[in-house]
Amino acid sequence: MTGLIKTTTPARLPLWLKLLYTAFVLVLVPIYWLELGVSNFLWGSDIALLLMVFGLWRESRFLISMLAVGVLLPECMWILDYGSHLVVGQDVFGLNATGYMFSDEMSYLVRGLSLFHLFLPLVILYALRRLGYDHRALLAQIILTWLVLLASYLLTEPAKNINWVFGITETPQTWMPGMIYLLLLLVLYPLLVFWPTHLLLRKIFPATGGANNDRFKLFR
C-alpha cells in the first residue's frame, strides 16, 4: 500500500514570484532586442536575468548559486553607482556603468526596464535563503563566464564594450594587446569577483539538506 502513495516535494519558492518575474522578462526581452540589439544579452547581468527564470521554476539551487557567484558583486556596484549618480551626479567607481540610465539617447522605457538591476540581487538572495547555496557553483560560473567573455570579444563591436572586454571604461584600452587584456580578464573575474563571493555565500547560506529537485547534476 505504501508503494502506491506518491510523495511530492513542496515548492519552496512562491508561485507569485515565479509568475511576476517571468512576466517581467517576457516584456523586457523583445524591447531590449529591438532597441539595444541581440548582442546586449551577452552582458552578464542580462544572462543572469534570463537564466533566473529557469532557476526559479526548477527551484535549481545549482543554477541560482551560479548566478549569485557571477552577478551579486557587480550588481551591488551597479546599485551604488546608480544611487551616487542620482544624488551627486557622478558614479562611485569612475566606470560610468550607469551613465546610460541618465542619457537622453536611451528611451524611458528601456531605462525603466533596466531597473531590474535593483531587484535581481534581492530575488537571488531570497532564493538562496530558501534553497541554500550549492558549492559547485564557482567552477560552473567560471566556465560560463569564460565562454561569454570570448563570445563578447569575438562577436561584438568594441564601441559597445560588452562585459568590458575591450577596456575598463567606455573607450577601448590601447595600453596592451587586446588578446592579452582579455586573458587578464579571464583571470581577474574569477579571482576578484567570483572567489570572494563564493566564500561569503558559503558562510551565509549553508547547503540545505533533504531532497532537492535540482536536475543540474554537474560537477559533483
Protein backbone atom coordinates (compact mmCIF):
# COMPACT_ATOMS: atom_id res chain seq x y z
CA MET A 1 0.00 0.00 0.00
CA THR A 2 2.86 2.32 0.86
CA GLY A 3 4.37 1.83 -2.58
CA LEU A 4 1.22 3.18 -4.22
CA ILE A 5 1.48 6.51 -2.43
CA LYS A 6 3.36 9.18 -4.37
CA THR A 7 5.01 11.97 -2.44
CA THR A 8 5.95 15.31 -3.96
CA THR A 9 8.40 17.87 -2.69
CA PRO A 10 6.53 21.06 -1.78
CA ALA A 11 7.53 24.19 -3.67
CA ARG A 12 10.00 26.32 -1.74
CA LEU A 13 9.66 29.42 -3.93
CA PRO A 14 6.23 31.11 -4.16
CA LEU A 15 4.25 30.90 -7.37
CA TRP A 16 3.56 34.64 -7.42
CA LEU A 17 7.30 35.36 -7.56
CA LYS A 18 7.80 32.98 -10.48
CA LEU A 19 4.88 34.46 -12.40
CA LEU A 20 5.79 38.11 -11.82
CA TYR A 21 9.45 37.56 -12.63
CA THR A 22 8.64 35.62 -15.81
CA ALA A 23 6.12 38.24 -16.95
CA PHE A 24 8.73 40.99 -16.49
CA VAL A 25 11.30 39.09 -18.56
CA LEU A 26 8.76 38.41 -21.31
CA VAL A 27 8.15 42.16 -21.56
CA LEU A 28 11.83 43.10 -21.39
CA VAL A 29 13.26 40.70 -23.99
CA PRO A 30 11.51 41.97 -27.16
CA ILE A 31 12.01 45.63 -26.17
CA TYR A 32 15.71 45.15 -25.44
CA TRP A 33 16.09 43.16 -28.67
CA LEU A 34 14.55 45.92 -30.79
CA GLU A 35 16.20 48.91 -29.11
CA LEU A 36 19.60 47.53 -27.99
CA GLY A 37 20.19 44.57 -30.28
CA VAL A 38 20.70 40.90 -29.57
CA SER A 39 24.34 41.37 -28.54
CA ASN A 40 23.18 43.26 -25.45
CA PHE A 41 22.03 39.93 -23.99
CA LEU A 42 25.69 38.92 -23.63
CA TRP A 43 26.04 41.24 -20.65
CA GLY A 44 26.49 39.14 -17.53
CA SER A 45 23.55 40.77 -15.78
CA ASP A 46 21.25 40.13 -18.74
CA ILE A 47 22.31 36.48 -18.89
CA ALA A 48 21.58 36.18 -15.17
CA LEU A 49 18.20 37.84 -15.61
CA LEU A 50 17.21 35.30 -18.27
CA LEU A 51 18.63 32.20 -16.61
CA MET A 52 16.96 33.12 -13.35
CA VAL A 53 13.61 32.31 -14.98
CA PHE A 54 14.68 28.67 -15.26
CA GLY A 55 16.27 28.77 -11.82
CA LEU A 56 13.05 29.93 -10.21
CA TRP A 57 10.72 27.49 -11.95
CA ARG A 58 13.00 24.50 -11.45
CA GLU A 59 13.97 25.71 -7.98
CA SER A 60 17.51 24.85 -9.00
CA ARG A 61 19.89 25.53 -6.16
CA PHE A 62 22.82 24.87 -8.50
CA LEU A 63 21.77 27.32 -11.22
CA ILE A 64 20.74 30.08 -8.82
CA SER A 65 24.00 29.67 -6.91
CA MET A 66 25.91 30.05 -10.19
CA LEU A 67 24.15 33.32 -10.93
CA ALA A 68 24.77 34.54 -7.40
CA VAL A 69 28.51 33.96 -7.75
CA GLY A 70 28.54 35.73 -11.11
CA VAL A 71 26.46 38.85 -10.58
CA LEU A 72 25.86 39.70 -6.92
CA LEU A 73 29.01 41.81 -6.56
CA PRO A 74 28.70 43.56 -9.97
CA GLU A 75 25.01 44.26 -9.29
CA CYS A 76 25.83 45.80 -5.91
CA MET A 77 28.40 48.01 -7.64
CA TRP A 78 25.77 48.99 -10.22
CA ILE A 79 23.33 49.96 -7.48
CA LEU A 80 25.98 52.06 -5.71
CA ASP A 81 26.87 53.81 -8.96
CA TYR A 82 23.24 54.46 -9.80
CA GLY A 83 22.47 55.83 -6.34
CA SER A 84 25.56 58.03 -6.40
CA HIS A 85 24.62 59.35 -9.85
CA LEU A 86 21.15 60.20 -8.59
CA VAL A 87 22.43 62.03 -5.51
CA VAL A 88 25.64 63.77 -6.60
CA GLY A 89 25.58 63.41 -10.39
CA GLN A 90 28.56 61.09 -10.76
CA ASP A 91 29.36 57.44 -10.21
CA VAL A 92 31.47 55.91 -7.46
CA PHE A 93 33.88 53.74 -9.44
CA GLY A 94 34.58 56.00 -12.42
CA LEU A 95 33.45 53.43 -14.99
CA ASN A 96 30.24 55.24 -15.98
CA ALA A 97 28.47 51.89 -15.74
CA THR A 98 25.10 53.57 -15.17
CA GLY A 99 25.55 56.59 -17.40
CA TYR A 100 23.06 55.24 -19.92
CA MET A 101 20.35 55.49 -17.25
CA PHE A 102 20.66 59.28 -17.45
CA SER A 103 21.21 59.62 -21.21
CA ASP A 104 18.58 61.19 -23.45
CA GLU A 105 19.68 58.77 -26.19
CA MET A 106 18.10 55.94 -24.21
CA SER A 107 14.32 55.70 -24.14
CA TYR A 108 12.49 55.98 -20.83
CA LEU A 109 11.06 52.52 -21.43
CA VAL A 110 14.48 50.90 -21.70
CA ARG A 111 15.73 52.84 -18.69
CA GLY A 112 12.71 51.77 -16.69
CA LEU A 113 13.18 48.12 -17.59
CA SER A 114 16.88 48.41 -16.74
CA LEU A 115 15.91 48.96 -13.14
CA PHE A 116 15.90 45.17 -12.91
CA HIS A 117 19.44 45.67 -11.58
CA LEU A 118 17.81 46.85 -8.36
CA PHE A 119 15.68 43.78 -7.70
CA LEU A 120 17.67 40.98 -9.34
CA PRO A 121 20.12 40.60 -6.42
CA LEU A 122 17.21 40.63 -3.97
CA VAL A 123 15.48 37.81 -5.84
CA ILE A 124 18.71 35.81 -5.94
CA LEU A 125 19.36 36.28 -2.23
CA TYR A 126 15.78 35.35 -1.36
CA ALA A 127 16.04 32.18 -3.44
CA LEU A 128 19.34 31.27 -1.77
CA ARG A 129 17.76 31.77 1.63
CA ARG A 130 15.02 29.30 0.72
CA LEU A 131 17.11 26.78 -1.22
CA GLY A 132 20.62 27.05 0.19
CA TYR A 133 23.92 27.56 -1.63
CA ASP A 134 25.46 24.94 -3.92
CA HIS A 135 29.26 24.80 -3.58
CA ARG A 136 29.62 23.55 -7.18
CA ALA A 137 28.57 26.98 -8.45
CA LEU A 138 32.05 28.52 -8.51
CA LEU A 139 33.58 26.25 -11.15
CA ALA A 140 30.44 26.30 -13.29
CA GLN A 141 30.25 30.10 -13.22
CA ILE A 142 33.92 30.44 -14.15
CA ILE A 143 33.42 28.22 -17.22
CA LEU A 144 30.27 30.09 -18.26
CA THR A 145 31.98 33.46 -17.86
CA TRP A 146 35.00 32.40 -19.91
CA LEU A 147 32.69 31.39 -22.75
CA VAL A 148 30.71 34.63 -22.52
CA LEU A 149 33.84 36.80 -22.45
CA LEU A 150 35.24 35.05 -25.50
CA ALA A 151 31.94 35.47 -27.34
CA SER A 152 31.78 39.15 -26.35
CA TYR A 153 35.30 39.73 -27.67
CA LEU A 154 34.84 37.84 -30.95
CA LEU A 155 31.26 38.72 -31.83
CA THR A 156 30.60 42.28 -30.63
CA GLU A 157 31.79 45.76 -31.51
CA PRO A 158 34.48 47.49 -29.41
CA ALA A 159 32.22 50.56 -29.21
CA LYS A 160 29.69 48.57 -27.14
CA ASN A 161 32.44 47.15 -24.91
CA ILE A 162 30.17 44.41 -23.59
CA ASN A 163 31.43 42.92 -20.33
CA TRP A 164 34.37 45.35 -20.54
CA VAL A 165 36.27 43.01 -22.88
CA PHE A 166 37.85 45.93 -24.74
CA GLY A 167 38.66 48.18 -21.77
CA ILE A 168 37.59 49.19 -18.28
CA THR A 169 35.99 52.42 -19.47
CA GLU A 170 33.77 53.38 -22.40
CA THR A 171 36.87 53.92 -24.56
CA PRO A 172 38.68 50.72 -25.66
CA GLN A 173 42.08 50.35 -23.99
CA THR A 174 45.27 50.68 -26.03
CA TRP A 175 47.96 50.07 -23.41
CA MET A 176 48.29 46.33 -24.14
CA PRO A 177 47.34 43.94 -26.96
CA GLY A 178 43.65 43.16 -26.95
CA MET A 179 44.09 39.39 -26.51
CA ILE A 180 46.44 39.89 -23.55
CA TYR A 181 43.88 42.17 -21.93
CA LEU A 182 41.17 39.54 -22.50
CA LEU A 183 43.32 36.82 -20.91
CA LEU A 184 43.84 39.13 -17.95
CA LEU A 185 40.06 39.46 -17.58
CA LEU A 186 39.70 35.67 -17.67
CA VAL A 187 41.91 35.56 -14.57
CA LEU A 188 40.66 38.63 -12.74
CA TYR A 189 36.93 37.93 -12.89
CA PRO A 190 37.26 34.61 -11.01
CA LEU A 191 39.95 35.91 -8.66
CA LEU A 192 38.45 39.27 -7.67
CA VAL A 193 34.71 38.71 -8.16
CA PHE A 194 33.72 35.05 -8.07
CA TRP A 195 36.04 33.60 -5.43
CA PRO A 196 35.28 36.20 -2.70
CA THR A 197 31.56 35.94 -3.44
CA HIS A 198 31.73 32.15 -3.26
CA LEU A 199 33.43 32.25 0.13
CA LEU A 200 30.91 34.71 1.51
CA LEU A 201 27.88 32.81 0.23
CA ARG A 202 29.24 29.56 1.60
CA LYS A 203 29.31 31.11 5.07
CA ILE A 204 25.93 32.83 4.88
CA PHE A 205 23.87 30.18 3.07
CA PRO A 206 24.81 26.63 4.08
CA ALA A 207 23.63 23.95 1.67
CA THR A 208 20.15 22.69 2.52
CA GLY A 209 19.64 19.06 3.45
CA GLY A 210 16.93 16.68 2.35
CA ALA A 211 15.52 16.09 -1.09
CA ASN A 212 16.38 18.55 -3.78
CA ASN A 213 14.64 18.62 -7.15
CA ASP A 214 17.70 20.17 -8.79
CA ARG A 215 18.28 18.40 -12.11
CA PHE A 216 21.52 20.22 -12.91
CA LYS A 217 23.75 17.44 -11.53
CA LEU A 218 27.09 18.73 -12.81
CA PHE A 219 30.47 18.97 -11.11
CA ARG A 220 29.82 16.53 -8.29
